[in-house]
Amino acid sequence: DFMLLLCASLQGRVFEEENVTAVQLLAGDNVEICRDLDAASFSQHNPVPDFIHCR
């Protein structure tokens, strides 16, 4: 239970720091990139490799 509480509270800190302008300039924003795309562009190839299944 302690580890779960620790991880949840640290994640809360990260969420708060993501909204700080200085952090957004250094680390980049956390905005969905697909919301600006139209339906036709969803069929385009994604050049980013799949890091979950590449072993």
PDB file of N, CA and C in Angstrom:
ATOM      1  N   ASP A   1       0.819  -1.191   0.000  1.00  0.00           N
ATOM      2  CA  ASP A   1       0.000   0.000   0.000  1.00  0.00           C
ATOM      3  C   ASP A   1       0.866   1.260   0.000  1.00  0.00           C
ATOM      4  N   PHE A   2       1.966   1.200   0.740  1.00  0.00           N
ATOM      5  CA  PHE A   2       2.837   2.371   0.803  1.00  0.00           C
ATOM      6  C   PHE A   2       3.429   2.707  -0.560  1.00  0.00           C
ATOM      7  N   MET A   3       3.870   1.683  -1.288  1.00  0.00           N
ATOM      8  CA  MET A   3       4.476   1.927  -2.604  1.00  0.00           C
ATOM      9  C   MET A   3       3.455   2.506  -3.575  1.00  0.00           C
ATOM     10  N   LEU A   4       2.218   2.035  -3.512  1.00  0.00           N
ATOM     11  CA  LEU A   4       1.169   2.568  -4.371  1.00  0.00           C
ATOM     12  C   LEU A   4       0.905   4.028  -4.047  1.00  0.00           C
ATOM     13  N   LEU A   5       0.836   4.368  -2.778  1.00  0.00           N
ATOM     14  CA  LEU A   5       0.640   5.753  -2.367  1.00  0.00           C
ATOM     15  C   LEU A   5       1.814   6.619  -2.792  1.00  0.00           C
ATOM     16  N   LEU A   6       3.020   6.109  -2.659  1.00  0.00           N
ATOM     17  CA  LEU A   6       4.212   6.849  -3.058  1.00  0.00           C
ATOM     18  C   LEU A   6       4.200   7.139  -4.554  1.00  0.00           C
ATOM     19  N   CYS A   7       3.928   6.123  -5.349  1.00  0.00           N
ATOM     20  CA  CYS A   7       3.911   6.308  -6.811  1.00  0.00           C
ATOM     21  C   CYS A   7       2.801   7.253  -7.237  1.00  0.00           C
ATOM     22  N   ALA A   8       1.631   7.143  -6.632  1.00  0.00           N
ATOM     23  CA  ALA A   8       0.518   8.021  -6.986  1.00  0.00           C
ATOM     24  C   ALA A   8       0.820   9.468  -6.621  1.00  0.00           C
ATOM     25  N   SER A   9       1.431   9.699  -5.475  1.00  0.00           N
ATOM     26  CA  SER A   9       1.739  11.071  -5.077  1.00  0.00           C
ATOM     27  C   SER A   9       2.845  11.665  -5.941  1.00  0.00           C
ATOM     28  N   LEU A  10       3.823  10.853  -6.326  1.00  0.00           N
ATOM     29  CA  LEU A  10       4.869  11.356  -7.217  1.00  0.00           C
ATOM     30  C   LEU A  10       4.316  11.647  -8.605  1.00  0.00           C
ATOM     31  N   GLN A  11       3.374  10.838  -9.066  1.00  0.00           N
ATOM     32  CA  GLN A  11       2.753  11.098 -10.357  1.00  0.00           C
ATOM     33  C   GLN A  11       1.945  12.393 -10.296  1.00  0.00           C
ATOM     34  N   GLY A  12       1.319  12.669  -9.170  1.00  0.00           N
ATOM     35  CA  GLY A  12       0.603  13.935  -8.999  1.00  0.00           C
ATOM     36  C   GLY A  12       1.538  15.124  -9.111  1.00  0.00           C
ATOM     37  N   ARG A  13       2.733  15.000  -8.556  1.00  0.00           N
ATOM     38  CA  ARG A  13       3.737  16.070  -8.693  1.00  0.00           C
ATOM     39  C   ARG A  13       4.122  16.289 -10.146  1.00  0.00           C
ATOM     40  N   VAL A  14       4.280  15.193 -10.884  1.00  0.00           N
ATOM     41  CA  VAL A  14       4.648  15.295 -12.296  1.00  0.00           C
ATOM     42  C   VAL A  14       3.549  16.015 -13.066  1.00  0.00           C
ATOM     43  N   PHE A  15       2.293  15.686 -12.792  1.00  0.00           N
ATOM     44  CA  PHE A  15       1.183  16.351 -13.476  1.00  0.00           C
ATOM     45  C   PHE A  15       1.182  17.848 -13.187  1.00  0.00           C
ATOM     46  N   GLU A  16       1.493  18.232 -11.959  1.00  0.00           N
ATOM     47  CA  GLU A  16       1.540  19.653 -11.617  1.00  0.00           C
ATOM     48  C   GLU A  16       2.689  20.349 -12.332  1.00  0.00           C
ATOM     49  N   GLU A  17       3.847  19.705 -12.404  1.00  0.00           N
ATOM     50  CA  GLU A  17       5.007  20.323 -13.042  1.00  0.00           C
ATOM     51  C   GLU A  17       4.859  20.410 -14.552  1.00  0.00           C
ATOM     52  N   GLU A  18       4.065  19.525 -15.163  1.00  0.00           N
ATOM     53  CA  GLU A  18       3.865  19.580 -16.608  1.00  0.00           C
ATOM     54  C   GLU A  18       3.144  20.854 -17.029  1.00  0.00           C
ATOM     55  N   ASN A  19       2.412  21.485 -16.117  1.00  0.00           N
ATOM     56  CA  ASN A  19       1.671  22.697 -16.445  1.00  0.00           C
ATOM     57  C   ASN A  19       2.503  23.961 -16.285  1.00  0.00           C
ATOM     58  N   VAL A  20       3.721  23.853 -15.787  1.00  0.00           N
ATOM     59  CA  VAL A  20       4.597  25.009 -15.615  1.00  0.00           C
ATOM     60  C   VAL A  20       5.230  25.343 -16.965  1.00  0.00           C
ATOM     61  N   THR A  21       5.215  26.616 -17.330  1.00  0.00           N
ATOM     62  CA  THR A  21       5.697  27.037 -18.642  1.00  0.00           C
ATOM     63  C   THR A  21       7.168  26.708 -18.848  1.00  0.00           C
ATOM     64  N   ALA A  22       7.991  26.889 -17.838  1.00  0.00           N
ATOM     65  CA  ALA A  22       9.422  26.604 -17.979  1.00  0.00           C
ATOM     66  C   ALA A  22       9.663  25.124 -18.273  1.00  0.00           C
ATOM     67  N   VAL A  23       8.893  24.258 -17.654  1.00  0.00           N
ATOM     68  CA  VAL A  23       9.044  22.821 -17.898  1.00  0.00           C
ATOM     69  C   VAL A  23       8.570  22.473 -19.300  1.00  0.00           C
ATOM     70  N   GLN A  24       7.495  23.113 -19.758  1.00  0.00           N
ATOM     71  CA  GLN A  24       6.998  22.852 -21.111  1.00  0.00           C
ATOM     72  C   GLN A  24       8.008  23.283 -22.161  1.00  0.00           C
ATOM     73  N   LEU A  25       8.739  24.352 -21.901  1.00  0.00           N
ATOM     74  CA  LEU A  25       9.752  24.796 -22.860  1.00  0.00           C
ATOM     75  C   LEU A  25      10.927  23.828 -22.909  1.00  0.00           C
ATOM     76  N   LEU A  26      11.321  23.285 -21.762  1.00  0.00           N
ATOM     77  CA  LEU A  26      12.450  22.357 -21.725  1.00  0.00           C
ATOM     78  C   LEU A  26      12.080  20.959 -22.214  1.00  0.00           C
ATOM     79  N   ALA A  27      10.946  20.454 -21.770  1.00  0.00           N
ATOM     80  CA  ALA A  27      10.589  19.063 -22.049  1.00  0.00           C
ATOM     81  C   ALA A  27       9.607  18.904 -23.195  1.00  0.00           C
ATOM     82  N   GLY A  28       8.991  19.971 -23.631  1.00  0.00           N
ATOM     83  CA  GLY A  28       7.972  19.869 -24.675  1.00  0.00           C
ATOM     84  C   GLY A  28       6.593  19.722 -24.056  1.00  0.00           C
ATOM     85  N   ASP A  29       5.585  20.016 -24.859  1.00  0.00           N
ATOM     86  CA  ASP A  29       4.229  19.926 -24.332  1.00  0.00           C
ATOM     87  C   ASP A  29       3.711  18.499 -24.455  1.00  0.00           C
ATOM     88  N   ASN A  30       2.601  18.255 -23.823  1.00  0.00           N
ATOM     89  CA  ASN A  30       2.012  16.921 -23.796  1.00  0.00           C
ATOM     90  C   ASN A  30       0.645  16.979 -24.470  1.00  0.00           C
ATOM     91  N   VAL A  31       0.644  17.395 -25.738  1.00  0.00           N
ATOM     92  CA  VAL A  31      -0.590  17.600 -26.483  1.00  0.00           C
ATOM     93  C   VAL A  31      -0.780  16.448 -27.458  1.00  0.00           C
ATOM     94  N   GLU A  32      -2.010  16.014 -27.611  1.00  0.00           N
ATOM     95  CA  GLU A  32      -2.305  14.964 -28.587  1.00  0.00           C
ATOM     96  C   GLU A  32      -1.989  15.476 -29.979  1.00  0.00           C
ATOM     97  N   ILE A  33      -1.200  14.723 -30.723  1.00  0.00           N
ATOM     98  CA  ILE A  33      -0.842  15.169 -32.067  1.00  0.00           C
ATOM     99  C   ILE A  33      -1.880  14.748 -33.094  1.00  0.00           C
ATOM    100  N   CYS A  34      -2.700  13.774 -32.770  1.00  0.00           N
ATOM    101  CA  CYS A  34      -3.659  13.288 -33.756  1.00  0.00           C
ATOM    102  C   CYS A  34      -4.941  14.111 -33.781  1.00  0.00           C
ATOM    103  N   ARG A  35      -5.141  15.038 -32.864  1.00  0.00           N
ATOM    104  CA  ARG A  35      -6.389  15.798 -32.879  1.00  0.00           C
ATOM    105  C   ARG A  35      -6.424  16.810 -34.014  1.00  0.00           C
ATOM    106  N   ASP A  36      -5.255  17.201 -34.528  1.00  0.00           N
ATOM    107  CA  ASP A  36      -5.204  18.163 -35.621  1.00  0.00           C
ATOM    108  C   ASP A  36      -5.218  17.491 -36.988  1.00  0.00           C
ATOM    109  N   LEU A  37      -5.242  16.174 -37.030  1.00  0.00           N
ATOM    110  CA  LEU A  37      -5.210  15.448 -38.292  1.00  0.00           C
ATOM    111  C   LEU A  37      -6.625  15.178 -38.785  1.00  0.00           C
ATOM    112  N   ASP A  38      -6.774  15.124 -40.081  1.00  0.00           N
ATOM    113  CA  ASP A  38      -8.077  14.751 -40.625  1.00  0.00           C
ATOM    114  C   ASP A  38      -8.148  13.230 -40.770  1.00  0.00           C
ATOM    115  N   ALA A  39      -9.329  12.727 -41.083  1.00  0.00           N
ATOM    116  CA  ALA A  39      -9.539  11.277 -41.128  1.00  0.00           C
ATOM    117  C   ALA A  39      -8.697  10.606 -42.206  1.00  0.00           C
ATOM    118  N   ALA A  40      -8.417  11.299 -43.304  1.00  0.00           N
ATOM    119  CA  ALA A  40      -7.645  10.703 -44.394  1.00  0.00           C
ATOM    120  C   ALA A  40      -6.188  10.491 -44.001  1.00  0.00           C
ATOM    121  N   SER A  41      -5.681  11.303 -43.102  1.00  0.00           N
ATOM    122  CA  SER A  41      -4.271  11.193 -42.732  1.00  0.00           C
ATOM    123  C   SER A  41      -4.008  10.067 -41.730  1.00  0.00           C
ATOM    124  N   PHE A  42      -5.054   9.475 -41.163  1.00  0.00           N
ATOM    125  CA  PHE A  42      -4.848   8.372 -40.227  1.00  0.00           C
ATOM    126  C   PHE A  42      -4.309   7.122 -40.909  1.00  0.00           C
ATOM    127  N   SER A  43      -4.479   7.025 -42.213  1.00  0.00           N
ATOM    128  CA  SER A  43      -4.004   5.837 -42.916  1.00  0.00           C
ATOM    129  C   SER A  43      -2.543   5.966 -43.329  1.00  0.00           C
ATOM    130  N   GLN A  44      -1.910   7.082 -43.009  1.00  0.00           N
ATOM    131  CA  GLN A  44      -0.510   7.272 -43.369  1.00  0.00           C
ATOM    132  C   GLN A  44       0.388   6.413 -42.479  1.00  0.00           C
ATOM    133  N   HIS A  45       1.550   6.085 -43.005  1.00  0.00           N
ATOM    134  CA  HIS A  45       2.509   5.269 -42.252  1.00  0.00           C
ATOM    135  C   HIS A  45       3.119   6.078 -41.116  1.00  0.00           C
ATOM    136  N   ASN A  46       3.204   5.485 -39.955  1.00  0.00           N
ATOM    137  CA  ASN A  46       3.829   6.115 -38.799  1.00  0.00           C
ATOM    138  C   ASN A  46       5.297   5.703 -38.779  1.00  0.00           C
ATOM    139  N   PRO A  47       6.249   6.640 -38.945  1.00  0.00           N
ATOM    140  CA  PRO A  47       7.664   6.281 -39.030  1.00  0.00           C
ATOM    141  C   PRO A  47       8.309   5.916 -37.693  1.00  0.00           C
ATOM    142  N   VAL A  48       7.614   6.111 -36.596  1.00  0.00           N
ATOM    143  CA  VAL A  48       8.182   5.815 -35.281  1.00  0.00           C
ATOM    144  C   VAL A  48       8.131   4.307 -35.048  1.00  0.00           C
ATOM    145  N   PRO A  49       9.255   3.693 -34.672  1.00  0.00           N
ATOM    146  CA  PRO A  49       9.247   2.247 -34.453  1.00  0.00           C
ATOM    147  C   PRO A  49       8.415   1.875 -33.226  1.00  0.00           C
ATOM    148  N   ASP A  50       7.852   0.706 -33.264  1.00  0.00           N
ATOM    149  CA  ASP A  50       7.049   0.195 -32.167  1.00  0.00           C
ATOM    150  C   ASP A  50       7.989  -0.334 -31.085  1.00  0.00           C
ATOM    151  N   PHE A  51       8.118   0.397 -29.988  1.00  0.00           N
ATOM    152  CA  PHE A  51       9.082   0.024 -28.962  1.00  0.00           C
ATOM    153  C   PHE A  51       8.550  -1.047 -28.022  1.00  0.00           C
ATOM    154  N   ILE A  52       7.279  -1.367 -28.078  1.00  0.00           N
ATOM    155  CA  ILE A  52       6.720  -2.369 -27.176  1.00  0.00           C
ATOM    156  C   ILE A  52       7.032  -3.776 -27.671  1.00  0.00           C
ATOM    157  N   HIS A  53       6.907  -4.007 -28.977  1.00  0.00           N
ATOM    158  CA  HIS A  53       7.037  -5.353 -29.511  1.00  0.00           C
ATOM    159  C   HIS A  53       8.378  -5.616 -30.187  1.00  0.00           C
ATOM    160  N   CYS A  54       9.300  -4.666 -30.189  1.00  0.00           N
ATOM    161  CA  CYS A  54      10.598  -4.919 -30.817  1.00  0.00           C
ATOM    162  C   CYS A  54      11.550  -5.500 -29.771  1.00  0.00           C
ATOM    163  N   ARG A  55      11.969  -6.706 -29.982  1.00  0.00           N
ATOM    164  CA  ARG A  55      12.860  -7.375 -29.020  1.00  0.00           C
ATOM    165  C   ARG A  55      14.100  -7.837 -29.699  1.00  0.00           C
TER     166      ARG A  55
END
